[in-house]
Amino acid sequence: MPIMLKTDTRAEADFQICVVDNRGDADLFVARVGTRAEARNPAYWFYTDTRADADHVVHIVENRGSSHLNICYVESRGEAGWRVVDHPLKDIL
């Protein structure tokens, strides 16, 4: 399940993500969900403030070139999903 904790430190993160506005630049379309129980799909992310509850720790970077994953937030769960189907993180999330 993608229960995410945001960190301000690169060294603490499992991977770096870049939030992009242009859908064409995204590897994954992400729908933010309100509860842990709703985060059953790799594209449905729930953010937690507790490290013990997190599946992954992410650091948000500004530059797409320095990220492991480029995401674009979408409004609808129906839009959420992998845009790059053979992405290296697909089996991790």
PDB file of N, CA and C in Angstrom:
ATOM      1  N   MET A   1       0.848  -1.188   0.000  1.00  0.00           N
ATOM      2  CA  MET A   1       0.000   0.000   0.000  1.00  0.00           C
ATOM      3  C   MET A   1       0.887   1.242   0.000  1.00  0.00           C
ATOM      4  N   PRO A   2       0.525   2.256  -0.724  1.00  0.00           N
ATOM      5  CA  PRO A   2       1.315   3.477  -0.742  1.00  0.00           C
ATOM      6  C   PRO A   2       0.922   4.468   0.357  1.00  0.00           C
ATOM      7  N   ILE A   3       1.380   4.160   1.557  1.00  0.00           N
ATOM      8  CA  ILE A   3       1.232   5.091   2.669  1.00  0.00           C
ATOM      9  C   ILE A   3       2.554   5.851   2.727  1.00  0.00           C
ATOM     10  N   MET A   4       2.510   7.150   2.462  1.00  0.00           N
ATOM     11  CA  MET A   4       3.720   7.940   2.277  1.00  0.00           C
ATOM     12  C   MET A   4       3.962   8.915   3.421  1.00  0.00           C
ATOM     13  N   LEU A   5       5.231   9.067   3.741  1.00  0.00           N
ATOM     14  CA  LEU A   5       5.676  10.088   4.671  1.00  0.00           C
ATOM     15  C   LEU A   5       6.614  11.005   3.906  1.00  0.00           C
ATOM     16  N   LYS A   6       6.353  12.305   3.941  1.00  0.00           N
ATOM     17  CA  LYS A   6       7.237  13.276   3.291  1.00  0.00           C
ATOM     18  C   LYS A   6       8.335  13.670   4.267  1.00  0.00           C
ATOM     19  N   THR A   7       9.563  13.736   3.754  1.00  0.00           N
ATOM     20  CA  THR A   7      10.687  14.192   4.551  1.00  0.00           C
ATOM     21  C   THR A   7      11.373  15.358   3.856  1.00  0.00           C
ATOM     22  N   ASP A   8      12.005  16.194   4.644  1.00  0.00           N
ATOM     23  CA  ASP A   8      12.735  17.329   4.091  1.00  0.00           C
ATOM     24  C   ASP A   8      14.178  16.951   3.755  1.00  0.00           C
ATOM     25  N   THR A   9      14.580  15.745   4.111  1.00  0.00           N
ATOM     26  CA  THR A   9      15.957  15.319   3.942  1.00  0.00           C
ATOM     27  C   THR A   9      16.064  14.198   2.919  1.00  0.00           C
ATOM     28  N   ARG A  10      16.868  14.415   1.889  1.00  0.00           N
ATOM     29  CA  ARG A  10      17.071  13.394   0.856  1.00  0.00           C
ATOM     30  C   ARG A  10      17.574  12.084   1.430  1.00  0.00           C
ATOM     31  N   ALA A  11      18.492  12.166   2.371  1.00  0.00           N
ATOM     32  CA  ALA A  11      19.124  10.968   2.924  1.00  0.00           C
ATOM     33  C   ALA A  11      18.136  10.060   3.654  1.00  0.00           C
ATOM     34  N   GLU A  12      17.078  10.612   4.180  1.00  0.00           N
ATOM     35  CA  GLU A  12      16.075   9.827   4.899  1.00  0.00           C
ATOM     36  C   GLU A  12      15.061   9.163   3.969  1.00  0.00           C
ATOM     37  N   ALA A  13      15.024   9.585   2.714  1.00  0.00           N
ATOM     38  CA  ALA A  13      13.978   9.145   1.786  1.00  0.00           C
ATOM     39  C   ALA A  13      14.326   7.818   1.130  1.00  0.00           C
ATOM     40  N   ASP A  14      13.287   7.046   0.850  1.00  0.00           N
ATOM     41  CA  ASP A  14      13.424   5.826   0.055  1.00  0.00           C
ATOM     42  C   ASP A  14      13.631   6.191  -1.406  1.00  0.00           C
ATOM     43  N   PHE A  15      12.956   7.241  -1.845  1.00  0.00           N
ATOM     44  CA  PHE A  15      13.139   7.740  -3.199  1.00  0.00           C
ATOM     45  C   PHE A  15      12.682   9.192  -3.294  1.00  0.00           C
ATOM     46  N   GLN A  16      13.164   9.848  -4.361  1.00  0.00           N
ATOM     47  CA  GLN A  16      12.851  11.249  -4.623  1.00  0.00           C
ATOM     48  C   GLN A  16      11.700  11.302  -5.625  1.00  0.00           C
ATOM     49  N   ILE A  17      10.738  12.191  -5.369  1.00  0.00           N
ATOM     50  CA  ILE A  17       9.646  12.377  -6.323  1.00  0.00           C
ATOM     51  C   ILE A  17       9.582  13.843  -6.736  1.00  0.00           C
ATOM     52  N   CYS A  18       9.128  14.038  -7.943  1.00  0.00           N
ATOM     53  CA  CYS A  18       8.882  15.387  -8.449  1.00  0.00           C
ATOM     54  C   CYS A  18       7.400  15.458  -8.810  1.00  0.00           C
ATOM     55  N   VAL A  19       6.729  16.474  -8.295  1.00  0.00           N
ATOM     56  CA  VAL A  19       5.317  16.685  -8.616  1.00  0.00           C
ATOM     57  C   VAL A  19       5.267  17.610  -9.821  1.00  0.00           C
ATOM     58  N   VAL A  20       4.710  17.104 -10.911  1.00  0.00           N
ATOM     59  CA  VAL A  20       4.651  17.868 -12.161  1.00  0.00           C
ATOM     60  C   VAL A  20       3.209  18.271 -12.459  1.00  0.00           C
ATOM     61  N   ASP A  21       3.053  19.371 -13.152  1.00  0.00           N
ATOM     62  CA  ASP A  21       1.722  19.843 -13.547  1.00  0.00           C
ATOM     63  C   ASP A  21       1.314  19.294 -14.909  1.00  0.00           C
ATOM     64  N   ASN A  22       2.286  19.091 -15.768  1.00  0.00           N
ATOM     65  CA  ASN A  22       2.027  18.607 -17.115  1.00  0.00           C
ATOM     66  C   ASN A  22       1.890  17.083 -17.096  1.00  0.00           C
ATOM     67  N   ARG A  23       0.742  16.587 -17.458  1.00  0.00           N
ATOM     68  CA  ARG A  23       0.506  15.141 -17.438  1.00  0.00           C
ATOM     69  C   ARG A  23       1.482  14.370 -18.312  1.00  0.00           C
ATOM     70  N   GLY A  24       1.943  14.984 -19.379  1.00  0.00           N
ATOM     71  CA  GLY A  24       2.879  14.330 -20.269  1.00  0.00           C
ATOM     72  C   GLY A  24       4.244  14.093 -19.643  1.00  0.00           C
ATOM     73  N   ASP A  25       4.547  14.794 -18.561  1.00  0.00           N
ATOM     74  CA  ASP A  25       5.822  14.629 -17.859  1.00  0.00           C
ATOM     75  C   ASP A  25       5.741  13.610 -16.731  1.00  0.00           C
ATOM     76  N   ALA A  26       4.558  13.108 -16.433  1.00  0.00           N
ATOM     77  CA  ALA A  26       4.364  12.206 -15.292  1.00  0.00           C
ATOM     78  C   ALA A  26       4.630  10.750 -15.654  1.00  0.00           C
ATOM     79  N   ASP A  27       5.184  10.031 -14.677  1.00  0.00           N
ATOM     80  CA  ASP A  27       5.314   8.579 -14.766  1.00  0.00           C
ATOM     81  C   ASP A  27       4.060   7.912 -14.186  1.00  0.00           C
ATOM     82  N   LEU A  28       3.479   8.578 -13.185  1.00  0.00           N
ATOM     83  CA  LEU A  28       2.345   8.027 -12.455  1.00  0.00           C
ATOM     84  C   LEU A  28       1.350   9.138 -12.160  1.00  0.00           C
ATOM     85  N   PHE A  29       0.072   8.865 -12.422  1.00  0.00           N
ATOM     86  CA  PHE A  29      -1.001   9.767 -12.034  1.00  0.00           C
ATOM     87  C   PHE A  29      -1.490   9.307 -10.659  1.00  0.00           C
ATOM     88  N   VAL A  30      -1.448  10.208  -9.684  1.00  0.00           N
ATOM     89  CA  VAL A  30      -1.747   9.861  -8.293  1.00  0.00           C
ATOM     90  C   VAL A  30      -3.020  10.541  -7.827  1.00  0.00           C
ATOM     91  N   ALA A  31      -3.892   9.769  -7.196  1.00  0.00           N
ATOM     92  CA  ALA A  31      -5.073  10.305  -6.524  1.00  0.00           C
ATOM     93  C   ALA A  31      -4.794  10.270  -5.022  1.00  0.00           C
ATOM     94  N   ARG A  32      -4.877  11.409  -4.376  1.00  0.00           N
ATOM     95  CA  ARG A  32      -4.694  11.452  -2.922  1.00  0.00           C
ATOM     96  C   ARG A  32      -5.985  10.986  -2.259  1.00  0.00           C
ATOM     97  N   VAL A  33      -5.842  10.115  -1.275  1.00  0.00           N
ATOM     98  CA  VAL A  33      -7.007   9.589  -0.568  1.00  0.00           C
ATOM     99  C   VAL A  33      -6.950  10.028   0.892  1.00  0.00           C
ATOM    100  N   GLY A  34      -8.101   9.997   1.541  1.00  0.00           N
ATOM    101  CA  GLY A  34      -8.222  10.534   2.891  1.00  0.00           C
ATOM    102  C   GLY A  34      -7.947   9.572   4.025  1.00  0.00           C
ATOM    103  N   THR A  35      -7.926   8.266   3.732  1.00  0.00           N
ATOM    104  CA  THR A  35      -7.684   7.296   4.798  1.00  0.00           C
ATOM    105  C   THR A  35      -6.717   6.215   4.322  1.00  0.00           C
ATOM    106  N   ARG A  36      -6.079   5.567   5.281  1.00  0.00           N
ATOM    107  CA  ARG A  36      -5.170   4.450   4.979  1.00  0.00           C
ATOM    108  C   ARG A  36      -5.903   3.343   4.228  1.00  0.00           C
ATOM    109  N   ALA A  37      -7.114   3.080   4.626  1.00  0.00           N
ATOM    110  CA  ALA A  37      -7.884   1.983   4.023  1.00  0.00           C
ATOM    111  C   ALA A  37      -8.134   2.193   2.540  1.00  0.00           C
ATOM    112  N   GLU A  38      -8.174   3.436   2.111  1.00  0.00           N
ATOM    113  CA  GLU A  38      -8.426   3.739   0.699  1.00  0.00           C
ATOM    114  C   GLU A  38      -7.182   3.582  -0.173  1.00  0.00           C
ATOM    115  N   ALA A  39      -6.020   3.461   0.433  1.00  0.00           N
ATOM    116  CA  ALA A  39      -4.753   3.388  -0.311  1.00  0.00           C
ATOM    117  C   ALA A  39      -4.427   1.945  -0.688  1.00  0.00           C
ATOM    118  N   ARG A  40      -5.299   1.321  -1.418  1.00  0.00           N
ATOM    119  CA  ARG A  40      -5.127  -0.087  -1.800  1.00  0.00           C
ATOM    120  C   ARG A  40      -4.562  -0.256  -3.194  1.00  0.00           C
ATOM    121  N   ASN A  41      -4.452   0.820  -3.924  1.00  0.00           N
ATOM    122  CA  ASN A  41      -3.960   0.803  -5.294  1.00  0.00           C
ATOM    123  C   ASN A  41      -2.647   1.577  -5.303  1.00  0.00           C
ATOM    124  N   PRO A  42      -1.636   1.162  -6.075  1.00  0.00           N
ATOM    125  CA  PRO A  42      -0.373   1.906  -6.105  1.00  0.00           C
ATOM    126  C   PRO A  42      -0.514   3.367  -6.509  1.00  0.00           C
ATOM    127  N   ALA A  43      -1.610   3.723  -7.134  1.00  0.00           N
ATOM    128  CA  ALA A  43      -1.822   5.102  -7.564  1.00  0.00           C
ATOM    129  C   ALA A  43      -2.714   5.889  -6.601  1.00  0.00           C
ATOM    130  N   TYR A  44      -3.139   5.275  -5.498  1.00  0.00           N
ATOM    131  CA  TYR A  44      -3.929   5.950  -4.476  1.00  0.00           C
ATOM    132  C   TYR A  44      -3.018   6.162  -3.271  1.00  0.00           C
ATOM    133  N   TRP A  45      -2.582   7.368  -3.054  1.00  0.00           N
ATOM    134  CA  TRP A  45      -1.626   7.661  -1.997  1.00  0.00           C
ATOM    135  C   TRP A  45      -2.288   8.323  -0.812  1.00  0.00           C
ATOM    136  N   PHE A  46      -1.899   7.857   0.364  1.00  0.00           N
ATOM    137  CA  PHE A  46      -2.290   8.473   1.627  1.00  0.00           C
ATOM    138  C   PHE A  46      -1.015   8.966   2.289  1.00  0.00           C
ATOM    139  N   TYR A  47      -1.015  10.221   2.717  1.00  0.00           N
ATOM    140  CA  TYR A  47       0.144  10.783   3.405  1.00  0.00           C
ATOM    141  C   TYR A  47      -0.080  10.733   4.910  1.00  0.00           C
ATOM    142  N   THR A  48       0.933  10.262   5.613  1.00  0.00           N
ATOM    143  CA  THR A  48       0.890  10.165   7.063  1.00  0.00           C
ATOM    144  C   THR A  48       1.967  11.058   7.661  1.00  0.00           C
ATOM    145  N   ASP A  49       1.813  11.396   8.915  1.00  0.00           N
ATOM    146  CA  ASP A  49       2.825  12.168   9.642  1.00  0.00           C
ATOM    147  C   ASP A  49       3.658  11.269  10.555  1.00  0.00           C
ATOM    148  N   THR A  50       3.353   9.985  10.554  1.00  0.00           N
ATOM    149  CA  THR A  50       4.003   9.042  11.460  1.00  0.00           C
ATOM    150  C   THR A  50       4.875   8.064  10.680  1.00  0.00           C
ATOM    151  N   ARG A  51       6.156   8.059  10.963  1.00  0.00           N
ATOM    152  CA  ARG A  51       7.096   7.192  10.256  1.00  0.00           C
ATOM    153  C   ARG A  51       6.725   5.711  10.402  1.00  0.00           C
ATOM    154  N   ALA A  52       6.264   5.315  11.558  1.00  0.00           N
ATOM    155  CA  ALA A  52       5.918   3.914  11.795  1.00  0.00           C
ATOM    156  C   ALA A  52       4.750   3.454  10.929  1.00  0.00           C
ATOM    157  N   ASP A  53       3.903   4.377  10.504  1.00  0.00           N
ATOM    158  CA  ASP A  53       2.741   4.040   9.672  1.00  0.00           C
ATOM    159  C   ASP A  53       3.064   4.030   8.180  1.00  0.00           C
ATOM    160  N   ALA A  54       4.214   4.568   7.806  1.00  0.00           N
ATOM    161  CA  ALA A  54       4.538   4.757   6.394  1.00  0.00           C
ATOM    162  C   ALA A  54       5.097   3.495   5.751  1.00  0.00           C
ATOM    163  N   ASP A  55       4.688   3.272   4.509  1.00  0.00           N
ATOM    164  CA  ASP A  55       5.289   2.217   3.690  1.00  0.00           C
ATOM    165  C   ASP A  55       6.545   2.736   3.007  1.00  0.00           C
ATOM    166  N   HIS A  56       6.531   4.022   2.654  1.00  0.00           N
ATOM    167  CA  HIS A  56       7.647   4.647   1.948  1.00  0.00           C
ATOM    168  C   HIS A  56       7.844   6.065   2.465  1.00  0.00           C
ATOM    169  N   VAL A  57       9.105   6.479   2.504  1.00  0.00           N
ATOM    170  CA  VAL A  57       9.457   7.853   2.848  1.00  0.00           C
ATOM    171  C   VAL A  57       9.915   8.520   1.560  1.00  0.00           C
ATOM    172  N   VAL A  58       9.304   9.659   1.232  1.00  0.00           N
ATOM    173  CA  VAL A  58       9.617  10.340  -0.016  1.00  0.00           C
ATOM    174  C   VAL A  58      10.119  11.750   0.254  1.00  0.00           C
ATOM    175  N   HIS A  59      10.998  12.174  -0.621  1.00  0.00           N
ATOM    176  CA  HIS A  59      11.502  13.549  -0.600  1.00  0.00           C
ATOM    177  C   HIS A  59      11.086  14.187  -1.914  1.00  0.00           C
ATOM    178  N   ILE A  60      10.452  15.342  -1.836  1.00  0.00           N
ATOM    179  CA  ILE A  60       9.986  16.019  -3.035  1.00  0.00           C
ATOM    180  C   ILE A  60      11.090  16.944  -3.538  1.00  0.00           C
ATOM    181  N   VAL A  61      11.430  16.777  -4.807  1.00  0.00           N
ATOM    182  CA  VAL A  61      12.453  17.599  -5.450  1.00  0.00           C
ATOM    183  C   VAL A  61      11.799  18.449  -6.531  1.00  0.00           C
ATOM    184  N   GLU A  62      12.447  19.535  -6.884  1.00  0.00           N
ATOM    185  CA  GLU A  62      11.918  20.456  -7.883  1.00  0.00           C
ATOM    186  C   GLU A  62      12.227  20.029  -9.313  1.00  0.00           C
ATOM    187  N   ASN A  63      13.336  19.342  -9.504  1.00  0.00           N
ATOM    188  CA  ASN A  63      13.834  19.018 -10.835  1.00  0.00           C
ATOM    189  C   ASN A  63      13.471  17.590 -11.224  1.00  0.00           C
ATOM    190  N   ARG A  64      12.773  17.429 -12.340  1.00  0.00           N
ATOM    191  CA  ARG A  64      12.387  16.084 -12.816  1.00  0.00           C
ATOM    192  C   ARG A  64      13.600  15.193 -13.030  1.00  0.00           C
ATOM    193  N   GLY A  65      14.687  15.775 -13.465  1.00  0.00           N
ATOM    194  CA  GLY A  65      15.885  15.000 -13.758  1.00  0.00           C
ATOM    195  C   GLY A  65      16.545  14.391 -12.536  1.00  0.00           C
ATOM    196  N   SER A  66      16.277  14.945 -11.356  1.00  0.00           N
ATOM    197  CA  SER A  66      16.881  14.399 -10.135  1.00  0.00           C
ATOM    198  C   SER A  66      15.907  13.530  -9.342  1.00  0.00           C
ATOM    199  N   SER A  67      14.771  13.205  -9.930  1.00  0.00           N
ATOM    200  CA  SER A  67      13.784  12.382  -9.223  1.00  0.00           C
ATOM    201  C   SER A  67      13.824  10.937  -9.703  1.00  0.00           C
ATOM    202  N   HIS A  68      13.368  10.069  -8.830  1.00  0.00           N
ATOM    203  CA  HIS A  68      13.187   8.664  -9.202  1.00  0.00           C
ATOM    204  C   HIS A  68      11.815   8.442  -9.845  1.00  0.00           C
ATOM    205  N   LEU A  69      10.873   9.337  -9.509  1.00  0.00           N
ATOM    206  CA  LEU A  69       9.495   9.185  -9.966  1.00  0.00           C
ATOM    207  C   LEU A  69       8.871  10.562 -10.142  1.00  0.00           C
ATOM    208  N   ASN A  70       8.242  10.773 -11.282  1.00  0.00           N
ATOM    209  CA  ASN A  70       7.517  12.019 -11.547  1.00  0.00           C
ATOM    210  C   ASN A  70       6.026  11.722 -11.448  1.00  0.00           C
ATOM    211  N   ILE A  71       5.353  12.452 -10.566  1.00  0.00           N
ATOM    212  CA  ILE A  71       3.925  12.219 -10.376  1.00  0.00           C
ATOM    213  C   ILE A  71       3.130  13.464 -10.721  1.00  0.00           C
ATOM    214  N   CYS A  72       1.890  13.228 -11.110  1.00  0.00           N
ATOM    215  CA  CYS A  72       0.937  14.300 -11.346  1.00  0.00           C
ATOM    216  C   CYS A  72      -0.320  13.939 -10.547  1.00  0.00           C
ATOM    217  N   TYR A  73      -0.745  14.839  -9.663  1.00  0.00           N
ATOM    218  CA  TYR A  73      -1.959  14.584  -8.902  1.00  0.00           C
ATOM    219  C   TYR A  73      -3.176  14.750  -9.797  1.00  0.00           C
ATOM    220  N   VAL A  74      -4.110  13.832  -9.669  1.00  0.00           N
ATOM    221  CA  VAL A  74      -5.352  13.895 -10.426  1.00  0.00           C
ATOM    222  C   VAL A  74      -6.519  13.930  -9.449  1.00  0.00           C
ATOM    223  N   GLU A  75      -7.625  14.453  -9.900  1.00  0.00           N
ATOM    224  CA  GLU A  75      -8.806  14.606  -9.053  1.00  0.00           C
ATOM    225  C   GLU A  75      -9.585  13.296  -8.880  1.00  0.00           C
ATOM    226  N   SER A  76      -9.605  12.495  -9.910  1.00  0.00           N
ATOM    227  CA  SER A  76     -10.444  11.304  -9.927  1.00  0.00           C
ATOM    228  C   SER A  76      -9.617  10.029  -9.797  1.00  0.00           C
ATOM    229  N   ARG A  77     -10.102   9.095  -9.035  1.00  0.00           N
ATOM    230  CA  ARG A  77      -9.417   7.798  -8.923  1.00  0.00           C
ATOM    231  C   ARG A  77      -9.401   7.062 -10.252  1.00  0.00           C
ATOM    232  N   GLY A  78     -10.391   7.307 -11.070  1.00  0.00           N
ATOM    233  CA  GLY A  78     -10.436   6.675 -12.386  1.00  0.00           C
ATOM    234  C   GLY A  78      -9.299   7.114 -13.294  1.00  0.00           C
ATOM    235  N   GLU A  79      -8.756   8.291 -13.049  1.00  0.00           N
ATOM    236  CA  GLU A  79      -7.627   8.792 -13.834  1.00  0.00           C
ATOM    237  C   GLU A  79      -6.286   8.289 -13.308  1.00  0.00           C
ATOM    238  N   ALA A  80      -6.262   7.846 -12.066  1.00  0.00           N
ATOM    239  CA  ALA A  80      -5.012   7.451 -11.414  1.00  0.00           C
ATOM    240  C   ALA A  80      -4.473   6.150 -12.003  1.00  0.00           C
ATOM    241  N   GLY A  81      -3.158   6.101 -12.124  1.00  0.00           N
ATOM    242  CA  GLY A  81      -2.521   4.882 -12.623  1.00  0.00           C
ATOM    243  C   GLY A  81      -1.192   5.192 -13.295  1.00  0.00           C
ATOM    244  N   TRP A  82      -0.513   4.132 -13.673  1.00  0.00           N
ATOM    245  CA  TRP A  82       0.791   4.273 -14.307  1.00  0.00           C
ATOM    246  C   TRP A  82       0.656   4.783 -15.727  1.00  0.00           C
ATOM    247  N   ARG A  83       1.427   5.793 -16.063  1.00  0.00           N
ATOM    248  CA  ARG A  83       1.534   6.282 -17.430  1.00  0.00           C
ATOM    249  C   ARG A  83       2.702   5.581 -18.109  1.00  0.00           C
ATOM    250  N   VAL A  84       3.774   5.336 -17.339  1.00  0.00           N
ATOM    251  CA  VAL A  84       4.948   4.610 -17.828  1.00  0.00           C
ATOM    252  C   VAL A  84       4.838   3.199 -17.256  1.00  0.00           C
ATOM    253  N   VAL A  85       4.336   2.278 -18.048  1.00  0.00           N
ATOM    254  CA  VAL A  85       3.986   0.945 -17.539  1.00  0.00           C
ATOM    255  C   VAL A  85       5.184   0.094 -17.142  1.00  0.00           C
ATOM    256  N   ASP A  86       6.366   0.386 -17.656  1.00  0.00           N
ATOM    257  CA  ASP A  86       7.540  -0.411 -17.297  1.00  0.00           C
ATOM    258  C   ASP A  86       8.478   0.340 -16.368  1.00  0.00           C
ATOM    259  N   HIS A  87       7.942   1.248 -15.555  1.00  0.00           N
ATOM    260  CA  HIS A  87       8.757   2.042 -14.645  1.00  0.00           C
ATOM    261  C   HIS A  87       9.385   1.142 -13.574  1.00  0.00           C
ATOM    262  N   PRO A  88      10.645   1.397 -13.191  1.00  0.00           N
ATOM    263  CA  PRO A  88      11.342   0.568 -12.196  1.00  0.00           C
ATOM    264  C   PRO A  88      10.671   0.526 -10.825  1.00  0.00           C
ATOM    265  N   LEU A  89       9.905   1.529 -10.454  1.00  0.00           N
ATOM    266  CA  LEU A  89       9.250   1.536  -9.144  1.00  0.00           C
ATOM    267  C   LEU A  89       7.874   0.880  -9.171  1.00  0.00           C
ATOM    268  N   LYS A  90       7.442   0.428 -10.314  1.00  0.00           N
ATOM    269  CA  LYS A  90       6.090  -0.131 -10.426  1.00  0.00           C
ATOM    270  C   LYS A  90       5.861  -1.291  -9.463  1.00  0.00           C
ATOM    271  N   ASP A  91       6.805  -2.171  -9.321  1.00  0.00           N
ATOM    272  CA  ASP A  91       6.629  -3.324  -8.429  1.00  0.00           C
ATOM    273  C   ASP A  91       6.907  -2.995  -6.962  1.00  0.00           C
ATOM    274  N   ILE A  92       7.482  -1.825  -6.706  1.00  0.00           N
ATOM    275  CA  ILE A  92       7.784  -1.415  -5.336  1.00  0.00           C
ATOM    276  C   ILE A  92       6.583  -0.743  -4.693  1.00  0.00           C
ATOM    277  N   LEU A  93       5.871   0.046  -5.484  1.00  0.00           N
ATOM    278  CA  LEU A  93       4.684   0.736  -4.960  1.00  0.00           C
ATOM    279  C   LEU A  93       3.553  -0.250  -4.985  1.00  0.00           C
TER     280      LEU A  93
END
